[in-house]
C-alpha atoms as a PDB file:
ATOM      1  CA  MET A   1      -5.384  66.126  50.874  1.00  0.00           C
ATOM      2  CA  ARG A   2      -2.505  64.442  48.933  1.00  0.00           C
ATOM      3  CA  THR A   3      -0.779  65.116  45.693  1.00  0.00           C
ATOM      4  CA  ASP A   4       1.077  62.795  43.381  1.00  0.00           C
ATOM      5  CA  SER A   5       4.763  63.172  44.178  1.00  0.00           C
ATOM      6  CA  SER A   6       5.632  61.448  40.914  1.00  0.00           C
ATOM      7  CA  ARG A   7       4.346  64.551  39.128  1.00  0.00           C
ATOM      8  CA  GLY A   8       6.715  66.901  40.996  1.00  0.00           C
ATOM      9  CA  TYR A   9       4.338  67.932  43.827  1.00  0.00           C
ATOM     10  CA  TRP A  10       5.006  67.729  47.543  1.00  0.00           C
ATOM     11  CA  ASP A  11       2.974  65.602  49.938  1.00  0.00           C
ATOM     12  CA  LEU A  12       1.134  67.861  52.446  1.00  0.00           C
ATOM     13  CA  ARG A  13       2.756  65.955  55.316  1.00  0.00           C
ATOM     14  CA  THR A  14       6.148  66.653  53.793  1.00  0.00           C
ATOM     15  CA  ILE A  15       5.297  70.362  53.692  1.00  0.00           C
ATOM     16  CA  ARG A  16       4.222  70.268  57.341  1.00  0.00           C
ATOM     17  CA  GLY A  17       7.458  68.493  58.206  1.00  0.00           C
ATOM     18  CA  CYS A  18       9.504  71.232  56.524  1.00  0.00           C
ATOM     19  CA  GLY A  19       7.570  73.888  58.415  1.00  0.00           C
ATOM     20  CA  HIS A  20       8.447  72.190  61.684  1.00  0.00           C
ATOM     21  CA  SER A  21      12.112  71.982  60.672  1.00  0.00           C
ATOM     22  CA  ASN A  22      12.202  75.682  59.755  1.00  0.00           C
ATOM     23  CA  ARG A  23      10.754  76.664  63.120  1.00  0.00           C
ATOM     24  CA  HIS A  24      13.328  74.488  64.862  1.00  0.00           C
ATOM     25  CA  ASP A  25      16.226  76.062  62.892  1.00  0.00           C
ATOM     26  CA  THR A  26      14.982  79.587  63.614  1.00  0.00           C
ATOM     27  CA  TRP A  27      14.744  78.833  67.323  1.00  0.00           C
ATOM     28  CA  THR A  28      18.278  77.410  67.311  1.00  0.00           C
ATOM     29  CA  ILE A  29      19.669  80.553  65.619  1.00  0.00           C
ATOM     30  CA  LEU A  30      17.898  82.855  68.097  1.00  0.00           C
ATOM     31  CA  MET A  31      19.242  80.891  71.058  1.00  0.00           C
ATOM     32  CA  THR A  32      22.781  81.055  69.594  1.00  0.00           C
ATOM     33  CA  ILE A  33      22.568  84.840  69.137  1.00  0.00           C
ATOM     34  CA  PHE A  34      21.239  85.251  72.677  1.00  0.00           C
ATOM     35  CA  ALA A  35      24.134  83.169  74.054  1.00  0.00           C
ATOM     36  CA  LEU A  36      26.727  85.289  72.163  1.00  0.00           C
ATOM     37  CA  LEU A  37      25.190  88.537  73.412  1.00  0.00           C
ATOM     38  CA  THR A  38      25.255  87.197  76.958  1.00  0.00           C
ATOM     39  CA  LEU A  39      28.973  86.367  76.665  1.00  0.00           C
ATOM     40  CA  LEU A  40      29.813  89.797  75.267  1.00  0.00           C
ATOM     41  CA  SER A  41      28.034  91.501  78.143  1.00  0.00           C
ATOM     42  CA  ILE A  42      30.385  89.864  80.679  1.00  0.00           C
ATOM     43  CA  PRO A  43      33.161  92.337  81.785  1.00  0.00           C
ATOM     44  CA  GLY A  44      36.385  91.665  79.939  1.00  0.00           C
ATOM     45  CA  CYS A  45      34.718  90.169  76.914  1.00  0.00           C
ATOM     46  CA  THR A  46      34.164  93.353  74.927  1.00  0.00           C
ATOM     47  CA  PRO A  47      36.327  92.981  71.816  1.00  0.00           C
ATOM     48  CA  TYR A  48      37.415  96.678  71.726  1.00  0.00           C
ATOM     49  CA  PRO A  49      37.023  99.758  73.932  1.00  0.00           C
ATOM     50  CA  ILE A  50      33.989 101.902  73.321  1.00  0.00           C
ATOM     51  CA  TYR A  51      34.748 105.567  72.568  1.00  0.00           C
ATOM     52  CA  THR A  52      32.156 108.165  73.464  1.00  0.00           C
ATOM     53  CA  HIS A  53      32.353 111.859  72.769  1.00  0.00           C
ATOM     54  CA  ASP A  54      30.743 114.221  75.247  1.00  0.00           C
ATOM     55  CA  ARG A  55      29.630 117.106  73.054  1.00  0.00           C
ATOM     56  CA  ALA A  56      28.383 119.100  76.001  1.00  0.00           C
ATOM     57  CA  GLY A  57      31.795 118.852  77.668  1.00  0.00           C
ATOM     58  CA  THR A  58      30.366 117.187  80.765  1.00  0.00           C
ATOM     59  CA  ALA A  59      32.566 114.095  80.778  1.00  0.00           C
ATOM     60  CA  ASP A  60      33.802 112.922  84.174  1.00  0.00           C
ATOM     61  CA  GLN A  61      37.007 114.857  84.710  1.00  0.00           C
ATOM     62  CA  ASP A  62      38.326 112.241  87.168  1.00  0.00           C
ATOM     63  CA  ASP A  63      38.473 109.716  84.330  1.00  0.00           C
ATOM     64  CA  ALA A  64      40.144 112.055  81.847  1.00  0.00           C
ATOM     65  CA  PRO A  65      43.908 111.615  81.309  1.00  0.00           C
ATOM     66  CA  GLU A  66      46.099 114.389  82.670  1.00  0.00           C
ATOM     67  CA  THR A  67      47.679 116.423  79.895  1.00  0.00           C
ATOM     68  CA  GLU A  68      50.185 119.246  79.784  1.00  0.00           C
ATOM     69  CA  ALA A  69      49.535 122.495  77.966  1.00  0.00           C
ATOM     70  CA  PRO A  70      51.484 122.794  74.685  1.00  0.00           C
ATOM     71  CA  GLY A  71      55.016 123.853  75.447  1.00  0.00           C
ATOM     72  CA  ALA A  72      54.580 123.490  79.246  1.00  0.00           C
ATOM     73  CA  ARG A  73      57.411 122.061  81.316  1.00  0.00           C
ATOM     74  CA  PRO A  74      56.829 118.912  83.394  1.00  0.00           C
ATOM     75  CA  ALA A  75      55.034 119.493  86.685  1.00  0.00           C
ATOM     76  CA  ALA A  76      58.139 118.392  88.599  1.00  0.00           C
ATOM     77  CA  ASP A  77      60.057 121.372  87.215  1.00  0.00           C
ATOM     78  CA  ARG A  78      57.563 124.018  88.263  1.00  0.00           C
ATOM     79  CA  ASP A  79      58.470 124.425  91.918  1.00  0.00           C
ATOM     80  CA  ASP A  80      61.307 126.785  91.000  1.00  0.00           C
ATOM     81  CA  ASP A  81      59.340 128.522  88.258  1.00  0.00           C
ATOM     82  CA  PRO A  82      58.065 131.770  89.800  1.00  0.00           C
ATOM     83  CA  ARG A  83      56.261 132.761  86.613  1.00  0.00           C
ATOM     84  CA  PRO A  84      54.573 129.630  85.196  1.00  0.00           C
ATOM     85  CA  TRP A  85      53.288 131.477  82.125  1.00  0.00           C
ATOM     86  CA  GLU A  86      56.852 131.721  80.839  1.00  0.00           C
ATOM     87  CA  ARG A  87      57.436 129.072  78.235  1.00  0.00           C
ATOM     88  CA  SER A  88      60.280 128.783  75.753  1.00  0.00           C
ATOM     89  CA  GLY A  89      61.794 126.276  73.363  1.00  0.00           C
ATOM     90  CA  VAL A  90      65.263 126.955  74.816  1.00  0.00           C
ATOM     91  CA  ASP A  91      66.901 124.627  77.332  1.00  0.00           C
ATOM     92  CA  PRO A  92      68.597 127.017  79.814  1.00  0.00           C
ATOM     93  CA  ALA A  93      71.472 124.718  80.796  1.00  0.00           C
ATOM     94  CA  ILE A  94      72.394 123.745  77.232  1.00  0.00           C
ATOM     95  CA  PHE A  95      72.008 127.321  76.008  1.00  0.00           C
ATOM     96  CA  ALA A  96      74.350 128.598  78.740  1.00  0.00           C
ATOM     97  CA  ARG A  97      76.984 126.043  77.713  1.00  0.00           C
ATOM     98  CA  VAL A  98      76.735 127.216  74.109  1.00  0.00           C
ATOM     99  CA  VAL A  99      77.171 130.853  75.152  1.00  0.00           C
ATOM    100  CA  ASP A 100      80.152 130.354  77.501  1.00  0.00           C
ATOM    101  CA  PRO A 101      82.890 129.961  74.827  1.00  0.00           C
ATOM    102  CA  TYR A 102      81.900 133.300  73.290  1.00  0.00           C
ATOM    103  CA  LEU A 103      82.402 135.282  76.487  1.00  0.00           C
ATOM    104  CA  GLY A 104      85.553 137.365  76.365  1.00  0.00           C
ATOM    105  CA  LEU A 105      85.896 137.402  72.578  1.00  0.00           C
ATOM    106  CA  PRO A 106      86.653 140.847  71.098  1.00  0.00           C
ATOM    107  CA  TYR A 107      84.249 143.112  69.280  1.00  0.00           C
ATOM    108  CA  LYS A 108      84.662 143.341  65.533  1.00  0.00           C
ATOM    109  CA  LYS A 109      82.196 145.058  63.233  1.00  0.00           C
ATOM    110  CA  GLY A 110      80.866 142.484  60.801  1.00  0.00           C
ATOM    111  CA  GLY A 111      82.905 139.788  62.580  1.00  0.00           C
ATOM    112  CA  ASP A 112      81.661 136.213  62.601  1.00  0.00           C
ATOM    113  CA  ASP A 113      84.468 134.111  64.129  1.00  0.00           C
ATOM    114  CA  GLU A 114      86.768 133.904  67.135  1.00  0.00           C
ATOM    115  CA  LYS A 115      88.596 137.015  65.942  1.00  0.00           C
ATOM    116  CA  GLY A 116      85.552 139.041  66.913  1.00  0.00           C
ATOM    117  CA  PHE A 117      81.806 139.593  66.632  1.00  0.00           C
ATOM    118  CA  ASP A 118      79.402 142.455  66.407  1.00  0.00           C
ATOM    119  CA  CYS A 119      76.048 142.200  68.194  1.00  0.00           C
ATOM    120  CA  SER A 120      73.918 140.736  65.395  1.00  0.00           C
ATOM    121  CA  HIS A 121      76.573 138.266  64.196  1.00  0.00           C
ATOM    122  CA  LEU A 122      76.996 137.075  67.796  1.00  0.00           C
ATOM    123  CA  VAL A 123      73.269 136.332  68.059  1.00  0.00           C
ATOM    124  CA  ARG A 124      73.313 134.476  64.761  1.00  0.00           C
ATOM    125  CA  ALA A 125      76.373 132.406  65.747  1.00  0.00           C
ATOM    126  CA  ILE A 126      74.927 131.403  69.141  1.00  0.00           C
ATOM    127  CA  TYR A 127      71.616 130.269  67.684  1.00  0.00           C
ATOM    128  CA  ARG A 128      73.398 128.471  64.864  1.00  0.00           C
ATOM    129  CA  ASP A 129      75.448 126.513  67.412  1.00  0.00           C
ATOM    130  CA  TYR A 130      72.504 125.872  69.730  1.00  0.00           C
ATOM    131  CA  SER A 131      69.808 124.663  67.361  1.00  0.00           C
ATOM    132  CA  GLY A 132      70.976 125.164  63.784  1.00  0.00           C
ATOM    133  CA  THR A 133      68.562 128.084  63.490  1.00  0.00           C
ATOM    134  CA  ARG A 134      69.533 130.440  60.686  1.00  0.00           C
ATOM    135  CA  LEU A 135      68.929 134.036  61.674  1.00  0.00           C
ATOM    136  CA  PRO A 136      69.704 137.201  59.706  1.00  0.00           C
ATOM    137  CA  ALA A 137      72.813 139.088  60.809  1.00  0.00           C
ATOM    138  CA  SER A 138      70.887 142.343  60.945  1.00  0.00           C
ATOM    139  CA  THR A 139      69.632 144.089  64.067  1.00  0.00           C
ATOM    140  CA  ARG A 140      66.778 145.649  62.128  1.00  0.00           C
ATOM    141  CA  ALA A 141      65.714 142.314  60.583  1.00  0.00           C
ATOM    142  CA  LEU A 142      65.845 140.545  63.948  1.00  0.00           C
ATOM    143  CA  TYR A 143      63.697 143.272  65.454  1.00  0.00           C
ATOM    144  CA  GLN A 144      61.020 142.320  62.908  1.00  0.00           C
ATOM    145  CA  LEU A 145      60.673 138.767  64.255  1.00  0.00           C
ATOM    146  CA  PRO A 146      56.956 138.165  64.854  1.00  0.00           C
ATOM    147  CA  GLU A 147      56.799 136.920  68.452  1.00  0.00           C
ATOM    148  CA  GLN A 148      57.036 139.892  70.782  1.00  0.00           C
ATOM    149  CA  VAL A 149      57.374 139.419  74.545  1.00  0.00           C
ATOM    150  CA  THR A 150      57.068 141.891  77.373  1.00  0.00           C
ATOM    151  CA  ARG A 151      59.914 142.586  79.756  1.00  0.00           C
ATOM    152  CA  GLU A 152      58.089 140.630  82.474  1.00  0.00           C
ATOM    153  CA  GLU A 153      57.844 137.583  80.185  1.00  0.00           C
ATOM    154  CA  LEU A 154      61.554 137.385  79.300  1.00  0.00           C
ATOM    155  CA  VAL A 155      63.131 133.929  79.390  1.00  0.00           C
ATOM    156  CA  ILE A 156      66.575 132.666  78.482  1.00  0.00           C
ATOM    157  CA  GLY A 157      67.122 132.905  74.742  1.00  0.00           C
ATOM    158  CA  ASP A 158      64.893 135.923  74.084  1.00  0.00           C
ATOM    159  CA  LEU A 159      66.435 138.751  72.068  1.00  0.00           C
ATOM    160  CA  VAL A 160      66.549 142.182  73.732  1.00  0.00           C
ATOM    161  CA  PHE A 161      66.830 145.371  71.686  1.00  0.00           C
ATOM    162  CA  PHE A 162      68.123 148.870  72.381  1.00  0.00           C
ATOM    163  CA  SER A 163      68.091 152.319  70.829  1.00  0.00           C
ATOM    164  CA  PHE A 164      70.572 154.877  72.107  1.00  0.00           C
ATOM    165  CA  ASP A 165      69.166 157.765  70.076  1.00  0.00           C
ATOM    166  CA  ASP A 166      65.523 156.825  70.679  1.00  0.00           C
ATOM    167  CA  VAL A 167      65.048 156.488  66.919  1.00  0.00           C
ATOM    168  CA  THR A 168      67.130 153.642  65.485  1.00  0.00           C
ATOM    169  CA  ILE A 169      67.280 150.101  66.858  1.00  0.00           C
ATOM    170  CA  SER A 170      71.046 149.821  66.901  1.00  0.00           C
ATOM    171  CA  HIS A 171      71.985 147.140  69.442  1.00  0.00           C
ATOM    172  CA  LEU A 172      70.768 143.763  70.706  1.00  0.00           C
ATOM    173  CA  GLY A 173      71.701 140.892  72.950  1.00  0.00           C
ATOM    174  CA  ILE A 174      70.355 137.586  74.257  1.00  0.00           C
ATOM    175  CA  TYR A 175      68.618 137.406  77.616  1.00  0.00           C
ATOM    176  CA  MET A 176      70.314 134.934  79.974  1.00  0.00           C
ATOM    177  CA  GLY A 177      68.077 135.109  83.028  1.00  0.00           C
ATOM    178  CA  GLY A 178      68.436 136.987  86.286  1.00  0.00           C
ATOM    179  CA  GLY A 179      67.998 140.322  84.526  1.00  0.00           C
ATOM    180  CA  ARG A 180      71.221 139.849  82.525  1.00  0.00           C
ATOM    181  CA  PHE A 181      71.944 139.512  78.817  1.00  0.00           C
ATOM    182  CA  VAL A 182      74.929 138.571  76.677  1.00  0.00           C
ATOM    183  CA  HIS A 183      75.990 140.901  73.876  1.00  0.00           C
ATOM    184  CA  ALA A 184      78.961 142.209  71.929  1.00  0.00           C
ATOM    185  CA  SER A 185      79.982 145.571  73.356  1.00  0.00           C
ATOM    186  CA  GLU A 186      82.073 147.832  71.143  1.00  0.00           C
ATOM    187  CA  SER A 187      84.311 148.750  74.069  1.00  0.00           C
ATOM    188  CA  ARG A 188      84.425 145.495  76.041  1.00  0.00           C
ATOM    189  CA  GLY A 189      83.779 142.659  73.595  1.00  0.00           C
ATOM    190  CA  VAL A 190      81.399 139.793  74.358  1.00  0.00           C
ATOM    191  CA  ILE A 191      80.137 140.233  77.913  1.00  0.00           C
ATOM    192  CA  LYS A 192      77.086 139.896  80.133  1.00  0.00           C
ATOM    193  CA  SER A 193      75.391 143.084  81.274  1.00  0.00           C
ATOM    194  CA  SER A 194      72.383 143.926  83.411  1.00  0.00           C
ATOM    195  CA  LEU A 195      69.162 145.303  82.007  1.00  0.00           C
ATOM    196  CA  SER A 196      69.042 147.413  85.166  1.00  0.00           C
ATOM    197  CA  ASP A 197      72.187 149.339  84.241  1.00  0.00           C
ATOM    198  CA  PRO A 198      71.067 152.932  83.506  1.00  0.00           C
ATOM    199  CA  GLU A 199      72.570 152.817  80.016  1.00  0.00           C
ATOM    200  CA  TYR A 200      70.506 149.787  78.986  1.00  0.00           C
ATOM    201  CA  ARG A 201      67.445 150.445  81.117  1.00  0.00           C
ATOM    202  CA  GLU A 202      66.824 153.754  79.343  1.00  0.00           C
ATOM    203  CA  ALA A 203      67.686 152.413  75.882  1.00  0.00           C
ATOM    204  CA  TYR A 204      65.592 149.231  76.124  1.00  0.00           C
ATOM    205  CA  LYS A 205      63.076 148.956  73.263  1.00  0.00           C
ATOM    206  CA  GLY A 206      61.574 145.504  73.476  1.00  0.00           C
ATOM    207  CA  ALA A 207      62.176 141.796  73.050  1.00  0.00           C
ATOM    208  CA  ARG A 208      61.504 139.010  70.565  1.00  0.00           C
ATOM    209  CA  ARG A 209      61.348 135.230  70.998  1.00  0.00           C
ATOM    210  CA  VAL A 210      63.138 132.997  68.505  1.00  0.00           C
ATOM    211  CA  LEU A 211      62.108 129.497  69.666  1.00  0.00           C
END
């Protein structure tokens, strides 16, 4: 069967030729796609890493990166840490250097310079010098800080509080490790004392963490 191409119709053989060409083009495209997929399956050819999320939590733990708990010290520092649950934002060595110049200064009620300090102004000055932290110069206000710690959890930088009449929180200091704390004593000025001293052991009322 033929048609008159002069009238805008295709010759049947022309149509068959186009069909053959289309099949050839389709086969070429399929072979190209197959070749690309083969290349991508070769190790090292994947264009980006594939991320998978194990919802059941059964991912291979050997492949998981090691991570530290928030606030934890590096593993290398833990050999001399007898209580690994103790964590603080205070660097012990730097904090001790900040405290040293205050030792030996006289007591002065309401004092806030080298002429003398009372207990709450001393705490505020030390934390101001250490980290720029602005604390209230009030024993009562500092006692209201939200993060309470037990005596067994004390670390350097924690605030320790005392009541000598068993009613009013009237004195505080900063724990310095080894069972000792720095504070402004009315009779002896800025000193370090032991929490085991009978006077402070009986008056101890708790601790708060600043950082």
